[in-house]
Protein backbone atom coordinates (compact mmCIF):
# COMPACT_ATOMS: atom_id res chain seq x y z
CA UNK A 1 0.01 -0.05 0.02
CA UNK A 2 2.81 2.39 0.83
CA UNK A 3 4.50 1.76 -2.44
CA UNK A 4 1.26 2.62 -4.27
CA UNK A 5 0.95 5.90 -2.29
CA UNK A 6 4.43 6.71 -3.05
CA UNK A 7 3.81 6.18 -6.83
CA UNK A 8 0.71 8.33 -6.60
CA UNK A 9 2.62 11.03 -4.78
CA UNK A 10 5.11 10.98 -7.57
CA UNK A 11 2.27 11.71 -9.91
CA UNK A 12 1.21 14.62 -7.75
CA UNK A 13 -2.17 12.89 -6.88
CA UNK A 14 -1.32 13.01 -3.19
CA UNK A 15 1.12 15.91 -3.21
CA UNK A 16 0.72 18.33 -0.22
CA UNK A 17 1.62 21.89 0.52
CA UNK A 18 3.84 22.99 3.43
CA UNK A 19 0.96 22.67 5.87
CA UNK A 20 0.14 19.09 4.82
CA UNK A 21 -2.94 20.05 2.83
CA UNK A 22 -3.67 17.85 -0.17
CA UNK A 23 -3.15 19.93 -3.30
CA UNK A 24 -5.89 17.98 -5.21
CA UNK A 25 -8.42 18.78 -2.44
CA UNK A 26 -7.26 22.42 -2.27
CA UNK A 27 -7.61 22.75 -6.07
CA UNK A 28 -11.00 21.38 -5.99
CA UNK A 29 -12.08 23.67 -3.17
CA UNK A 30 -10.69 26.80 -4.84
CA UNK A 31 -12.49 25.82 -8.02
CA UNK A 32 -15.68 25.18 -6.17
CA UNK A 33 -15.58 28.51 -4.21
CA UNK A 34 -14.78 30.24 -7.63
CA UNK A 35 -17.75 28.63 -9.39
CA UNK A 36 -20.16 29.46 -6.60
CA UNK A 37 -19.08 33.09 -6.23
CA UNK A 38 -18.37 34.03 -9.89
CA UNK A 39 -21.78 35.53 -10.46
CA UNK A 40 -21.55 37.58 -7.38
CA UNK A 41 -18.06 38.93 -8.41
CA UNK A 42 -18.66 39.52 -12.11
CA UNK A 43 -22.35 39.24 -13.06
CA UNK A 44 -24.59 40.61 -10.32
CA UNK A 45 -21.77 43.02 -9.32
CA UNK A 46 -18.72 43.91 -11.47
CA UNK A 47 -15.12 43.74 -10.35
CA UNK A 48 -12.93 46.28 -11.89
CA UNK A 49 -9.21 45.34 -11.70
CA UNK A 50 -6.06 47.41 -12.29
CA UNK A 51 -2.38 46.72 -12.21
CA UNK A 52 -2.06 43.03 -12.78
CA UNK A 53 0.80 43.76 -15.09
CA UNK A 54 2.65 44.28 -11.71
CA UNK A 55 2.14 40.54 -11.00
CA UNK A 56 3.31 39.10 -14.24
CA UNK A 57 7.07 38.67 -13.32
CA UNK A 58 6.81 37.98 -9.60
CA UNK A 59 8.45 34.84 -8.27
CA UNK A 60 6.32 31.84 -7.28
CA UNK A 61 7.27 32.24 -3.49
CA UNK A 62 8.04 34.89 -0.88
CA UNK A 63 5.56 37.48 -2.23
CA UNK A 64 3.13 39.19 0.16
CA UNK A 65 0.25 41.26 -0.93
CA UNK A 66 -0.83 43.94 1.64
CA UNK A 67 -4.37 45.17 1.31
CA UNK A 68 -6.94 47.21 3.21
CA UNK A 69 -9.93 45.06 4.31
CA UNK A 70 -13.63 45.45 3.90
CA UNK A 71 -15.26 42.05 4.55
CA UNK A 72 -14.17 38.74 5.98
CA UNK A 73 -14.42 36.66 2.84
CA UNK A 74 -15.48 38.48 -0.30
CA UNK A 75 -12.13 40.34 -0.45
CA UNK A 76 -10.22 37.10 -0.26
CA UNK A 77 -12.50 35.45 -2.87
CA UNK A 78 -11.78 38.37 -5.27
CA UNK A 79 -7.98 37.83 -4.73
CA UNK A 80 -8.37 34.15 -5.54
CA UNK A 81 -10.22 34.86 -8.85
CA UNK A 82 -7.62 37.39 -9.93
CA UNK A 83 -4.64 35.29 -9.10
CA UNK A 84 -6.13 32.26 -10.98
CA UNK A 85 -6.96 34.56 -13.87
CA UNK A 86 -3.38 35.95 -13.94
CA UNK A 87 -1.97 32.41 -13.88
CA UNK A 88 -3.89 31.85 -17.24
CA UNK A 89 -2.44 35.00 -18.75
CA UNK A 90 -5.51 37.17 -18.48
CA UNK A 91 -4.87 40.81 -17.68
CA UNK A 92 -7.09 42.97 -15.41
CA UNK A 93 -10.03 40.71 -15.92
CA UNK A 94 -11.88 37.70 -14.63
CA UNK A 95 -14.22 37.52 -17.64
CA UNK A 96 -12.96 34.09 -18.64
CA UNK A 97 -13.76 31.84 -15.77
CA UNK A 98 -11.91 28.86 -17.64
CA UNK A 99 -9.07 29.70 -15.24
CA UNK A 100 -11.10 27.74 -12.62
CA UNK A 101 -10.27 24.51 -14.49
CA UNK A 102 -6.70 24.69 -13.14
CA UNK A 103 -6.58 27.34 -10.33
CA UNK A 104 -3.45 28.69 -8.64
CA UNK A 105 -3.12 26.60 -5.44
CA UNK A 106 0.08 27.93 -3.91
CA UNK A 107 -1.53 30.94 -2.36
CA UNK A 108 -2.65 31.77 1.21
CA UNK A 109 -4.31 34.42 3.24
CA UNK A 110 -3.83 35.51 6.85
CA UNK A 111 -6.97 35.16 9.07
CA UNK A 112 -7.89 35.38 12.67
CA UNK A 113 -8.09 31.86 14.17
CA UNK A 114 -11.49 32.53 15.77
CA UNK A 115 -12.97 33.62 12.49
CA UNK A 116 -11.94 30.44 10.70
CA UNK A 117 -13.36 28.25 13.39
CA UNK A 118 -16.86 29.90 13.35
CA UNK A 119 -18.65 27.42 11.17
CA UNK A 120 -18.50 24.94 8.31
CA UNK A 121 -17.88 27.41 5.47
CA UNK A 122 -14.97 29.20 7.28
CA UNK A 123 -13.40 25.68 7.76
CA UNK A 124 -13.55 25.12 4.00
CA UNK A 125 -11.90 28.49 3.47
CA UNK A 126 -9.33 27.54 6.07
CA UNK A 127 -8.37 24.36 4.12
CA UNK A 128 -8.34 26.39 0.83
CA UNK A 129 -5.55 28.49 2.15
CA UNK A 130 -5.93 30.22 5.49
CA UNK A 131 -2.95 30.99 7.55
CA UNK A 132 -4.63 31.36 11.03
CA UNK A 133 -3.17 33.51 13.80
CA UNK A 134 -4.30 34.60 17.13
CA UNK A 135 -4.87 38.33 17.26
CA UNK A 136 -2.91 39.92 20.09
CA UNK A 137 -5.28 42.98 20.54
CA UNK A 138 -8.73 41.46 20.13
CA UNK A 139 -10.52 38.09 20.77
CA UNK A 140 -14.30 37.19 20.63
CA UNK A 141 -15.30 40.81 20.22
CA UNK A 142 -13.39 41.96 23.19
CA UNK A 143 -10.12 43.86 23.57
CA UNK A 144 -7.20 41.80 24.86
CA UNK A 145 -3.60 42.26 25.49
CA UNK A 146 -1.53 39.16 25.00
CA UNK A 147 1.91 38.20 23.69
CA UNK A 148 2.78 37.79 20.03
CA UNK A 149 1.56 34.47 18.51
CA UNK A 150 4.84 32.84 17.73
CA UNK A 151 3.11 29.80 16.23
CA UNK A 152 1.23 32.09 13.87
CA UNK A 153 4.56 33.84 12.93
CA UNK A 154 6.07 30.47 12.02
CA UNK A 155 3.05 29.65 9.86
CA UNK A 156 3.33 32.92 8.01
CA UNK A 157 7.09 32.10 7.32
CA UNK A 158 6.12 28.62 5.99
CA UNK A 159 3.31 30.13 3.75
CA UNK A 160 5.79 32.57 2.19
CA UNK A 161 8.19 29.73 1.62
CA UNK A 162 5.59 27.91 -0.42
CA UNK A 163 3.79 30.66 -2.35
CA UNK A 164 1.89 33.91 -2.36
CA UNK A 165 0.38 35.31 0.84
CA UNK A 166 -2.36 37.96 1.21
CA UNK A 167 -2.36 39.92 4.44
CA UNK A 168 -4.72 42.54 5.76
CA UNK A 169 -2.31 44.48 8.07
CA UNK A 170 -4.94 46.61 9.76
CA UNK A 171 -6.42 43.28 11.20
CA UNK A 172 -10.03 44.78 10.88
CA UNK A 173 -12.56 45.80 8.30
CA UNK A 174 -12.76 49.30 9.70
CA UNK A 175 -11.21 51.94 7.48
CA UNK A 176 -8.16 53.92 8.49
CA UNK A 177 -7.43 51.64 11.47
CA UNK A 178 -3.71 51.53 12.45
CA UNK A 179 -1.25 49.10 10.69
CA UNK A 180 -0.25 46.39 13.18
CA UNK A 181 3.34 46.20 14.02
CA UNK A 182 3.42 42.57 13.18
CA UNK A 183 3.41 43.38 9.56
CA UNK A 184 6.62 45.42 9.80
CA UNK A 185 8.28 42.38 11.60
CA UNK A 186 7.20 40.10 8.79
CA UNK A 187 8.73 42.40 6.28
CA UNK A 188 12.00 42.79 8.18
CA UNK A 189 12.47 39.07 9.22
CA UNK A 190 11.33 37.37 5.93
CA UNK A 191 12.27 40.10 3.41
CA UNK A 192 9.46 39.15 0.95
CA UNK A 193 8.42 41.02 -2.13
CA UNK A 194 5.68 43.45 -0.99
CA UNK A 195 2.90 44.42 -3.30
CA UNK A 196 0.33 46.96 -1.94
CA UNK A 197 -3.26 46.46 -2.99
CA UNK A 198 -6.21 49.03 -2.70
CA UNK A 199 -9.80 47.64 -2.72
CA UNK A 200 -13.04 49.41 -2.60
CA UNK A 201 -16.81 48.68 -3.14
CA UNK A 202 -16.86 45.37 -1.24
CA UNK A 203 -18.47 47.12 1.75
CA UNK A 204 -21.16 48.36 -0.35
CA UNK A 205 -21.83 45.20 -2.20
CA UNK A 206 -21.79 42.79 0.73
CA UNK A 207 -22.44 42.28 4.32
CA UNK A 208 -19.52 42.24 6.83
CA UNK A 209 -18.86 38.64 6.38
CA UNK A 210 -18.92 39.04 2.62
CA UNK A 211 -21.42 36.18 2.08
CA UNK A 212 -24.74 38.07 1.59
CA UNK A 213 -25.75 40.93 -0.73
CA UNK A 214 -26.13 44.47 0.66
CA UNK A 215 -26.45 46.20 -2.81
CA UNK A 216 -26.51 44.53 -6.09
CA UNK A 217 -24.92 46.19 -9.26
CA UNK A 218 -21.91 47.46 -7.36
CA UNK A 219 -18.60 48.11 -8.95
CA UNK A 220 -15.80 46.71 -6.74
CA UNK A 221 -12.23 47.72 -7.41
CA UNK A 222 -9.03 46.04 -6.92
CA UNK A 223 -5.74 47.95 -7.72
CA UNK A 224 -2.42 46.37 -7.56
CA UNK A 225 0.52 48.75 -7.12
CA UNK A 226 4.11 48.31 -7.97
CA UNK A 227 6.10 46.29 -5.53
CA UNK A 228 7.80 48.43 -2.68
CA UNK A 229 11.69 48.23 -2.28
CA UNK A 230 12.21 48.16 1.35
CA UNK A 231 15.30 48.88 3.31
CA UNK A 232 15.02 45.79 5.53
CA UNK A 233 17.36 47.29 8.14
CA UNK A 234 15.01 50.28 8.59
CA UNK A 235 13.19 50.71 11.93
CA UNK A 236 9.76 49.06 12.35
CA UNK A 237 8.10 52.48 12.60
CA UNK A 238 9.52 53.56 9.25
CA UNK A 239 8.29 50.46 7.55
CA UNK A 240 4.91 50.99 9.10
CA UNK A 241 4.77 54.50 7.81
CA UNK A 242 5.55 53.36 4.24
CA UNK A 243 2.91 50.63 4.40
CA UNK A 244 0.26 53.06 5.70
CA UNK A 245 0.99 55.47 2.83
CA UNK A 246 1.03 52.76 0.32
CA UNK A 247 -2.45 51.50 1.39
CA UNK A 248 -3.89 55.04 1.33
CA UNK A 249 -5.00 54.62 5.00
CA UNK A 250 -4.07 58.01 6.15
CA UNK A 251 -6.80 60.50 7.14
CA UNK A 252 -6.41 64.08 8.15
CA UNK A 253 -8.96 65.10 10.82
CA UNK A 254 -9.12 68.88 11.16
CA UNK A 255 -12.13 68.36 13.36
CA UNK A 256 -12.50 64.95 14.82
CA UNK A 257 -15.89 65.63 16.33
CA UNK A 258 -17.39 65.87 12.78
CA UNK A 259 -16.38 62.36 12.10
CA UNK A 260 -18.44 60.85 15.08
CA UNK A 261 -21.29 58.85 13.79
CA UNK A 262 -20.08 58.76 10.23
CA UNK A 263 -21.10 55.53 8.39
CA UNK A 264 -18.34 54.33 5.98
CA UNK A 265 -19.83 52.89 2.80
């Protein structure tokens, strides 16, 4: 039996990624998620994409995409569609879902551990590529103060060694939230290629989880910027400032009071 398994592994039927997930299962899940979500992304709503030319010559590993965050899952699903489309050579478009026949599988996204254990669907997403970490500042809706999740840091390192990684460095779907210091440490310690991404419209189109419609006919935008050339010896604060500017998450409040009660759309 072991000999048969070894032969099948040699044929990549039982090949696994760095976390032990079977690639054939992950490929099936990504294709399934893509099929079920395609109409939401490009028929009921429309996904406008810019800058995928900045992805064409990226290496297969040690690339991190830093993005602002608007929903739990719709943002990630959009990235999966785009990355698979780029793999097939399509530019700034997901209009040809043939790319779901052979999706890109060596891609991951960072997610809060509690979120990915909250139900059956999140667990499927987790197998499809989640790198789960324990948030040091919040847990189960409450503010907390705990030490850095070293296990999560190690998983991030493994993910970068195996493929592309999407990170939402604000750690929340709230706009203009501070960039978490862990992002700067990832950049300093693992020295990945860093690609900033600006997204918009997902908050209007979907609920907070990104699973149900709020407003149909919404144009959602995803803009990939050029990779940032970091000085990896720079202080953490300097790296954070560069990331904040690249994600356009700065806001100048001349009168903080007038922003109270403002509903971001």
